[in-house]
PDB file of N, CA and C in Angstrom:
ATOM      1  N   UNK A   1       0.851  -1.182   0.000  1.00  0.00           N
ATOM      2  CA  UNK A   1       0.000   0.000   0.000  1.00  0.00           C
ATOM      3  C   UNK A   1       0.892   1.240   0.000  1.00  0.00           C
ATOM      4  N   UNK A   2       0.351   2.316  -0.527  1.00  0.00           N
ATOM      5  CA  UNK A   2       1.045   3.597  -0.559  1.00  0.00           C
ATOM      6  C   UNK A   2       0.228   4.584   0.261  1.00  0.00           C
ATOM      7  N   UNK A   3       0.908   5.272   1.155  1.00  0.00           N
ATOM      8  CA  UNK A   3       0.218   6.260   1.976  1.00  0.00           C
ATOM      9  C   UNK A   3       0.091   7.564   1.187  1.00  0.00           C
ATOM     10  N   UNK A   4      -1.093   8.168   1.234  1.00  0.00           N
ATOM     11  CA  UNK A   4      -1.323   9.438   0.557  1.00  0.00           C
ATOM     12  C   UNK A   4      -2.240  10.310   1.397  1.00  0.00           C
ATOM     13  N   UNK A   5      -2.281  11.578   1.069  1.00  0.00           N
ATOM     14  CA  UNK A   5      -3.109  12.525   1.826  1.00  0.00           C
ATOM     15  C   UNK A   5      -4.095  13.170   0.867  1.00  0.00           C
ATOM     16  N   UNK A   6      -5.342  13.259   1.286  1.00  0.00           N
ATOM     17  CA  UNK A   6      -6.397  13.827   0.458  1.00  0.00           C
ATOM     18  C   UNK A   6      -7.198  14.811   1.297  1.00  0.00           C
ATOM     19  N   UNK A   7      -7.514  15.958   0.720  1.00  0.00           N
ATOM     20  CA  UNK A   7      -8.368  16.922   1.403  1.00  0.00           C
ATOM     21  C   UNK A   7      -9.824  16.662   1.045  1.00  0.00           C
ATOM     22  N   UNK A   8     -10.675  16.582   2.053  1.00  0.00           N
ATOM     23  CA  UNK A   8     -12.102  16.360   1.869  1.00  0.00           C
ATOM     24  C   UNK A   8     -12.866  17.564   2.383  1.00  0.00           C
ATOM     25  N   UNK A   9     -14.058  17.759   1.834  1.00  0.00           N
ATOM     26  CA  UNK A   9     -14.924  18.783   2.408  1.00  0.00           C
ATOM     27  C   UNK A   9     -15.441  18.254   3.745  1.00  0.00           C
ATOM     28  N   UNK A  10     -15.938  19.147   4.563  1.00  0.00           N
ATOM     29  CA  UNK A  10     -16.488  18.717   5.854  1.00  0.00           C
ATOM     30  C   UNK A  10     -17.643  17.752   5.646  1.00  0.00           C
ATOM     31  N   UNK A  11     -18.458  18.016   4.643  1.00  0.00           N
ATOM     32  CA  UNK A  11     -19.610  17.148   4.361  1.00  0.00           C
ATOM     33  C   UNK A  11     -19.154  15.759   3.920  1.00  0.00           C
ATOM     34  N   UNK A  12     -18.128  15.685   3.073  1.00  0.00           N
ATOM     35  CA  UNK A  12     -17.607  14.387   2.644  1.00  0.00           C
ATOM     36  C   UNK A  12     -17.064  13.611   3.836  1.00  0.00           C
ATOM     37  N   UNK A  13     -16.326  14.293   4.690  1.00  0.00           N
ATOM     38  CA  UNK A  13     -15.748  13.632   5.871  1.00  0.00           C
ATOM     39  C   UNK A  13     -16.850  13.131   6.803  1.00  0.00           C
ATOM     40  N   UNK A  14     -17.859  13.961   6.998  1.00  0.00           N
ATOM     41  CA  UNK A  14     -18.978  13.588   7.862  1.00  0.00           C
ATOM     42  C   UNK A  14     -19.700  12.357   7.302  1.00  0.00           C
ATOM     43  N   UNK A  15     -19.933  12.359   6.000  1.00  0.00           N
ATOM     44  CA  UNK A  15     -20.623  11.238   5.355  1.00  0.00           C
ATOM     45  C   UNK A  15     -19.785   9.971   5.435  1.00  0.00           C
ATOM     46  N   UNK A  16     -18.484  10.086   5.171  1.00  0.00           N
ATOM     47  CA  UNK A  16     -17.605   8.919   5.257  1.00  0.00           C
ATOM     48  C   UNK A  16     -17.549   8.363   6.675  1.00  0.00           C
ATOM     49  N   UNK A  17     -17.449   9.248   7.657  1.00  0.00           N
ATOM     50  CA  UNK A  17     -17.414   8.819   9.051  1.00  0.00           C
ATOM     51  C   UNK A  17     -18.684   8.052   9.410  1.00  0.00           C
ATOM     52  N   UNK A  18     -19.822   8.601   9.022  1.00  0.00           N
ATOM     53  CA  UNK A  18     -21.107   7.966   9.313  1.00  0.00           C
ATOM     54  C   UNK A  18     -21.212   6.608   8.617  1.00  0.00           C
ATOM     55  N   UNK A  19     -20.868   6.574   7.337  1.00  0.00           N
ATOM     56  CA  UNK A  19     -20.978   5.333   6.574  1.00  0.00           C
ATOM     57  C   UNK A  19     -20.028   4.256   7.111  1.00  0.00           C
ATOM     58  N   UNK A  20     -18.830   4.658   7.499  1.00  0.00           N
ATOM     59  CA  UNK A  20     -17.872   3.705   8.065  1.00  0.00           C
ATOM     60  C   UNK A  20     -18.405   3.129   9.374  1.00  0.00           C
ATOM     61  N   UNK A  21     -19.047   3.987  10.179  1.00  0.00           N
ATOM     62  CA  UNK A  21     -19.624   3.518  11.446  1.00  0.00           C
ATOM     63  C   UNK A  21     -20.766   2.535  11.181  1.00  0.00           C
ATOM     64  N   UNK A  22     -21.637   2.889  10.228  1.00  0.00           N
ATOM     65  CA  UNK A  22     -22.783   2.033   9.897  1.00  0.00           C
ATOM     66  C   UNK A  22     -22.305   0.675   9.380  1.00  0.00           C
ATOM     67  N   UNK A  23     -21.270   0.685   8.567  1.00  0.00           N
ATOM     68  CA  UNK A  23     -20.747  -0.557   7.991  1.00  0.00           C
ATOM     69  C   UNK A  23     -19.775  -1.281   8.917  1.00  0.00           C
ATOM     70  N   UNK A  24     -19.436  -0.626  10.003  1.00  0.00           N
ATOM     71  CA  UNK A  24     -18.493  -1.183  10.972  1.00  0.00           C
ATOM     72  C   UNK A  24     -17.161  -1.543  10.308  1.00  0.00           C
ATOM     73  N   UNK A  25     -16.618  -0.564   9.571  1.00  0.00           N
ATOM     74  CA  UNK A  25     -15.331  -0.775   8.929  1.00  0.00           C
ATOM     75  C   UNK A  25     -14.507   0.516   9.030  1.00  0.00           C
ATOM     76  N   UNK A  26     -13.191   0.398   8.964  1.00  0.00           N
ATOM     77  CA  UNK A  26     -12.357   1.594   9.034  1.00  0.00           C
ATOM     78  C   UNK A  26     -12.621   2.529   7.848  1.00  0.00           C
ATOM     79  N   UNK A  27     -12.503   3.827   8.101  1.00  0.00           N
ATOM     80  CA  UNK A  27     -12.756   4.804   7.050  1.00  0.00           C
ATOM     81  C   UNK A  27     -11.801   4.597   5.873  1.00  0.00           C
ATOM     82  N   UNK A  28     -10.542   4.273   6.153  1.00  0.00           N
ATOM     83  CA  UNK A  28      -9.574   4.072   5.077  1.00  0.00           C
ATOM     84  C   UNK A  28     -10.005   2.938   4.155  1.00  0.00           C
ATOM     85  N   UNK A  29     -10.521   1.881   4.735  1.00  0.00           N
ATOM     86  CA  UNK A  29     -10.992   0.743   3.940  1.00  0.00           C
ATOM     87  C   UNK A  29     -12.175   1.156   3.071  1.00  0.00           C
ATOM     88  N   UNK A  30     -13.078   1.932   3.642  1.00  0.00           N
ATOM     89  CA  UNK A  30     -14.244   2.422   2.909  1.00  0.00           C
ATOM     90  C   UNK A  30     -13.816   3.321   1.753  1.00  0.00           C
ATOM     91  N   UNK A  31     -12.867   4.203   2.002  1.00  0.00           N
ATOM     92  CA  UNK A  31     -12.378   5.104   0.948  1.00  0.00           C
ATOM     93  C   UNK A  31     -11.755   4.287  -0.183  1.00  0.00           C
ATOM     94  N   UNK A  32     -10.933   3.295   0.144  1.00  0.00           N
ATOM     95  CA  UNK A  32     -10.332   2.445  -0.894  1.00  0.00           C
ATOM     96  C   UNK A  32     -11.407   1.727  -1.700  1.00  0.00           C
ATOM     97  N   UNK A  33     -12.437   1.234  -1.014  1.00  0.00           N
ATOM     98  CA  UNK A  33     -13.536   0.526  -1.682  1.00  0.00           C
ATOM     99  C   UNK A  33     -14.283   1.452  -2.644  1.00  0.00           C
ATOM    100  N   UNK A  34     -14.629   2.644  -2.173  1.00  0.00           N
ATOM    101  CA  UNK A  34     -15.356   3.592  -3.011  1.00  0.00           C
ATOM    102  C   UNK A  34     -14.505   4.096  -4.166  1.00  0.00           C
ATOM    103  N   UNK A  35     -13.220   4.307  -3.914  1.00  0.00           N
ATOM    104  CA  UNK A  35     -12.305   4.741  -4.962  1.00  0.00           C
ATOM    105  C   UNK A  35     -12.147   3.660  -6.033  1.00  0.00           C
ATOM    106  N   UNK A  36     -12.013   2.431  -5.604  1.00  0.00           N
ATOM    107  CA  UNK A  36     -11.884   1.316  -6.550  1.00  0.00           C
ATOM    108  C   UNK A  36     -13.126   1.221  -7.434  1.00  0.00           C
ATOM    109  N   UNK A  37     -14.293   1.394  -6.834  1.00  0.00           N
ATOM    110  CA  UNK A  37     -15.545   1.332  -7.596  1.00  0.00           C
ATOM    111  C   UNK A  37     -15.596   2.470  -8.619  1.00  0.00           C
ATOM    112  N   UNK A  38     -15.235   3.675  -8.183  1.00  0.00           N
ATOM    113  CA  UNK A  38     -15.236   4.826  -9.091  1.00  0.00           C
ATOM    114  C   UNK A  38     -14.231   4.677 -10.215  1.00  0.00           C
ATOM    115  N   UNK A  39     -13.048   4.154  -9.907  1.00  0.00           N
ATOM    116  CA  UNK A  39     -12.043   3.942 -10.941  1.00  0.00           C
ATOM    117  C   UNK A  39     -12.499   2.886 -11.933  1.00  0.00           C
ATOM    118  N   UNK A  40     -13.100   1.815 -11.418  1.00  0.00           N
ATOM    119  CA  UNK A  40     -13.584   0.740 -12.295  1.00  0.00           C
ATOM    120  C   UNK A  40     -14.627   1.269 -13.284  1.00  0.00           C
ATOM    121  N   UNK A  41     -15.491   2.160 -12.824  1.00  0.00           N
ATOM    122  CA  UNK A  41     -16.538   2.715 -13.693  1.00  0.00           C
ATOM    123  C   UNK A  41     -15.960   3.622 -14.770  1.00  0.00           C
ATOM    124  N   UNK A  42     -14.774   4.184 -14.538  1.00  0.00           N
ATOM    125  CA  UNK A  42     -14.206   5.143 -15.478  1.00  0.00           C
ATOM    126  C   UNK A  42     -13.078   4.602 -16.340  1.00  0.00           C
ATOM    127  N   UNK A  43     -12.637   3.381 -16.068  1.00  0.00           N
ATOM    128  CA  UNK A  43     -11.574   2.791 -16.877  1.00  0.00           C
ATOM    129  C   UNK A  43     -12.105   2.539 -18.282  1.00  0.00           C
ATOM    130  N   UNK A  44     -11.318   2.892 -19.252  1.00  0.00           N
ATOM    131  CA  UNK A  44     -11.721   2.660 -20.633  1.00  0.00           C
ATOM    132  C   UNK A  44     -12.496   3.797 -21.260  1.00  0.00           C
ATOM    133  N   UNK A  45     -12.877   4.785 -20.480  1.00  0.00           N
ATOM    134  CA  UNK A  45     -13.570   5.928 -21.057  1.00  0.00           C
ATOM    135  C   UNK A  45     -12.567   6.800 -21.804  1.00  0.00           C
ATOM    136  N   UNK A  46     -12.986   7.321 -22.946  1.00  0.00           N
ATOM    137  CA  UNK A  46     -12.105   8.143 -23.767  1.00  0.00           C
ATOM    138  C   UNK A  46     -11.999   9.541 -23.171  1.00  0.00           C
ATOM    139  N   UNK A  47     -10.808   9.884 -22.712  1.00  0.00           N
ATOM    140  CA  UNK A  47     -10.586  11.233 -22.184  1.00  0.00           C
ATOM    141  C   UNK A  47      -9.626  12.008 -23.086  1.00  0.00           C
ATOM    142  N   UNK A  48      -9.314  11.439 -24.241  1.00  0.00           N
ATOM    143  CA  UNK A  48      -8.354  12.062 -25.145  1.00  0.00           C
ATOM    144  C   UNK A  48      -9.007  13.103 -26.050  1.00  0.00           C
ATOM    145  N   UNK A  49     -10.307  13.058 -26.189  1.00  0.00           N
ATOM    146  CA  UNK A  49     -10.989  13.978 -27.098  1.00  0.00           C
ATOM    147  C   UNK A  49     -11.247  13.352 -28.458  1.00  0.00           C
ATOM    148  N   UNK A  50     -10.784  12.104 -28.661  1.00  0.00           N
ATOM    149  CA  UNK A  50     -10.979  11.453 -29.956  1.00  0.00           C
ATOM    150  C   UNK A  50     -12.461  11.302 -30.292  1.00  0.00           C
ATOM    151  N   UNK A  51     -13.253  10.913 -29.298  1.00  0.00           N
ATOM    152  CA  UNK A  51     -14.690  10.736 -29.534  1.00  0.00           C
ATOM    153  C   UNK A  51     -15.333  12.058 -29.938  1.00  0.00           C
ATOM    154  N   UNK A  52     -14.955  13.128 -29.257  1.00  0.00           N
ATOM    155  CA  UNK A  52     -15.503  14.443 -29.597  1.00  0.00           C
ATOM    156  C   UNK A  52     -15.122  14.839 -31.024  1.00  0.00           C
ATOM    157  N   UNK A  53     -13.872  14.596 -31.389  1.00  0.00           N
ATOM    158  CA  UNK A  53     -13.431  14.935 -32.745  1.00  0.00           C
ATOM    159  C   UNK A  53     -14.166  14.106 -33.790  1.00  0.00           C
ATOM    160  N   UNK A  54     -14.380  12.816 -33.506  1.00  0.00           N
ATOM    161  CA  UNK A  54     -15.119  11.967 -34.439  1.00  0.00           C
ATOM    162  C   UNK A  54     -16.550  12.468 -34.611  1.00  0.00           C
ATOM    163  N   UNK A  55     -17.167  12.873 -33.503  1.00  0.00           N
ATOM    164  CA  UNK A  55     -18.540  13.378 -33.578  1.00  0.00           C
ATOM    165  C   UNK A  55     -18.606  14.689 -34.351  1.00  0.00           C
ATOM    166  N   UNK A  56     -17.622  15.556 -34.162  1.00  0.00           N
ATOM    167  CA  UNK A  56     -17.592  16.810 -34.927  1.00  0.00           C
ATOM    168  C   UNK A  56     -17.415  16.526 -36.417  1.00  0.00           C
ATOM    169  N   UNK A  57     -16.582  15.541 -36.727  1.00  0.00           N
ATOM    170  CA  UNK A  57     -16.378  15.168 -38.126  1.00  0.00           C
ATOM    171  C   UNK A  57     -17.672  14.625 -38.733  1.00  0.00           C
ATOM    172  N   UNK A  58     -18.408  13.816 -37.946  1.00  0.00           N
ATOM    173  CA  UNK A  58     -19.654  13.223 -38.439  1.00  0.00           C
ATOM    174  C   UNK A  58     -20.678  14.296 -38.801  1.00  0.00           C
ATOM    175  N   UNK A  59     -20.733  15.363 -38.003  1.00  0.00           N
ATOM    176  CA  UNK A  59     -21.728  16.413 -38.288  1.00  0.00           C
ATOM    177  C   UNK A  59     -21.147  17.494 -39.195  1.00  0.00           C
ATOM    178  N   UNK A  60     -19.939  17.246 -39.680  1.00  0.00           N
ATOM    179  CA  UNK A  60     -19.262  18.158 -40.599  1.00  0.00           C
ATOM    180  C   UNK A  60     -19.154  19.567 -40.024  1.00  0.00           C
ATOM    181  N   UNK A  61     -18.771  19.632 -38.755  1.00  0.00           N
ATOM    182  CA  UNK A  61     -18.607  20.923 -38.093  1.00  0.00           C
ATOM    183  C   UNK A  61     -17.427  21.659 -38.704  1.00  0.00           C
ATOM    184  N   UNK A  62     -17.676  22.862 -39.152  1.00  0.00           N
ATOM    185  CA  UNK A  62     -16.616  23.691 -39.736  1.00  0.00           C
ATOM    186  C   UNK A  62     -16.734  25.090 -39.164  1.00  0.00           C
ATOM    187  N   UNK A  63     -15.762  25.874 -39.450  1.00  0.00           N
ATOM    188  CA  UNK A  63     -15.788  27.259 -38.981  1.00  0.00           C
ATOM    189  C   UNK A  63     -15.231  27.357 -37.582  1.00  0.00           C
ATOM    190  N   UNK A  64     -15.654  28.331 -36.853  1.00  0.00           N
ATOM    191  CA  UNK A  64     -15.150  28.539 -35.512  1.00  0.00           C
ATOM    192  C   UNK A  64     -14.017  29.543 -35.520  1.00  0.00           C
ATOM    193  N   UNK A  65     -13.494  29.852 -34.358  1.00  0.00           N
ATOM    194  CA  UNK A  65     -12.437  30.846 -34.277  1.00  0.00           C
ATOM    195  C   UNK A  65     -11.151  30.367 -34.956  1.00  0.00           C
ATOM    196  N   UNK A  66     -10.479  31.281 -35.631  1.00  0.00           N
ATOM    197  CA  UNK A  66      -9.241  30.925 -36.323  1.00  0.00           C
ATOM    198  C   UNK A  66      -8.068  30.801 -35.350  1.00  0.00           C
ATOM    199  N   UNK A  67      -8.222  31.314 -34.136  1.00  0.00           N
ATOM    200  CA  UNK A  67      -7.144  31.252 -33.143  1.00  0.00           C
ATOM    201  C   UNK A  67      -7.430  30.198 -32.069  1.00  0.00           C
ATOM    202  N   UNK A  68      -8.204  29.192 -32.409  1.00  0.00           N
ATOM    203  CA  UNK A  68      -8.625  28.196 -31.427  1.00  0.00           C
ATOM    204  C   UNK A  68      -7.445  27.476 -30.782  1.00  0.00           C
ATOM    205  N   UNK A  69      -6.476  27.044 -31.570  1.00  0.00           N
ATOM    206  CA  UNK A  69      -5.360  26.297 -30.987  1.00  0.00           C
ATOM    207  C   UNK A  69      -4.514  27.173 -30.065  1.00  0.00           C
ATOM    208  N   UNK A  70      -4.415  28.454 -30.375  1.00  0.00           N
ATOM    209  CA  UNK A  70      -3.629  29.369 -29.543  1.00  0.00           C
ATOM    210  C   UNK A  70      -4.365  29.735 -28.264  1.00  0.00           C
ATOM    211  N   UNK A  71      -5.673  29.898 -28.345  1.00  0.00           N
ATOM    212  CA  UNK A  71      -6.473  30.372 -27.210  1.00  0.00           C
ATOM    213  C   UNK A  71      -7.461  29.336 -26.709  1.00  0.00           C
ATOM    214  N   UNK A  72      -7.045  28.088 -26.731  1.00  0.00           N
ATOM    215  CA  UNK A  72      -7.931  27.008 -26.304  1.00  0.00           C
ATOM    216  C   UNK A  72      -8.446  27.218 -24.876  1.00  0.00           C
ATOM    217  N   UNK A  73      -7.562  27.615 -23.955  1.00  0.00           N
ATOM    218  CA  UNK A  73      -7.984  27.843 -22.565  1.00  0.00           C
ATOM    219  C   UNK A  73      -9.039  28.932 -22.477  1.00  0.00           C
ATOM    220  N   UNK A  74      -8.931  29.935 -23.322  1.00  0.00           N
ATOM    221  CA  UNK A  74      -9.928  31.009 -23.317  1.00  0.00           C
ATOM    222  C   UNK A  74     -11.301  30.459 -23.721  1.00  0.00           C
ATOM    223  N   UNK A  75     -11.327  29.677 -24.788  1.00  0.00           N
ATOM    224  CA  UNK A  75     -12.605  29.175 -25.288  1.00  0.00           C
ATOM    225  C   UNK A  75     -13.192  28.064 -24.407  1.00  0.00           C
ATOM    226  N   UNK A  76     -12.342  27.277 -23.770  1.00  0.00           N
ATOM    227  CA  UNK A  76     -12.846  26.212 -22.923  1.00  0.00           C
ATOM    228  C   UNK A  76     -13.171  26.669 -21.507  1.00  0.00           C
ATOM    229  N   UNK A  77     -12.287  27.504 -20.940  1.00  0.00           N
ATOM    230  CA  UNK A  77     -12.401  27.835 -19.514  1.00  0.00           C
ATOM    231  C   UNK A  77     -12.608  29.319 -19.232  1.00  0.00           C
ATOM    232  N   UNK A  78     -12.592  30.149 -20.263  1.00  0.00           N
ATOM    233  CA  UNK A  78     -12.806  31.575 -20.041  1.00  0.00           C
ATOM    234  C   UNK A  78     -11.555  32.332 -19.631  1.00  0.00           C
ATOM    235  N   UNK A  79     -10.401  31.724 -19.833  1.00  0.00           N
ATOM    236  CA  UNK A  79      -9.137  32.392 -19.479  1.00  0.00           C
ATOM    237  C   UNK A  79      -8.866  33.545 -20.437  1.00  0.00           C
ATOM    238  N   UNK A  80      -7.830  34.332 -20.149  1.00  0.00           N
ATOM    239  CA  UNK A  80      -7.515  35.453 -21.042  1.00  0.00           C
ATOM    240  C   UNK A  80      -6.953  34.959 -22.371  1.00  0.00           C
ATOM    241  N   UNK A  81      -7.195  35.739 -23.410  1.00  0.00           N
ATOM    242  CA  UNK A  81      -6.643  35.400 -24.728  1.00  0.00           C
ATOM    243  C   UNK A  81      -5.155  35.739 -24.764  1.00  0.00           C
ATOM    244  N   UNK A  82      -4.409  34.972 -25.566  1.00  0.00           N
ATOM    245  CA  UNK A  82      -2.963  35.224 -25.721  1.00  0.00           C
ATOM    246  C   UNK A  82      -2.721  36.177 -26.850  1.00  0.00           C
TER     247      UNK A  82
END
């Protein structure tokens, strides 16, 4: 096992504490169990953007800003333009 530190909101900590008590198991064990379940559900999902690009190609999306590659953060997250 590898020791790590994670910051939780007060509500998350309260919920984990309660659930661990109800299940009569250590909180660390519960966190590992819930994390494993969440990771299992997300393994294999495309996070590269390939699916989005394929869908844009299918609908023949064209146009858009000419500075998209330079100002991607601006268009995605509202950051300042370069």
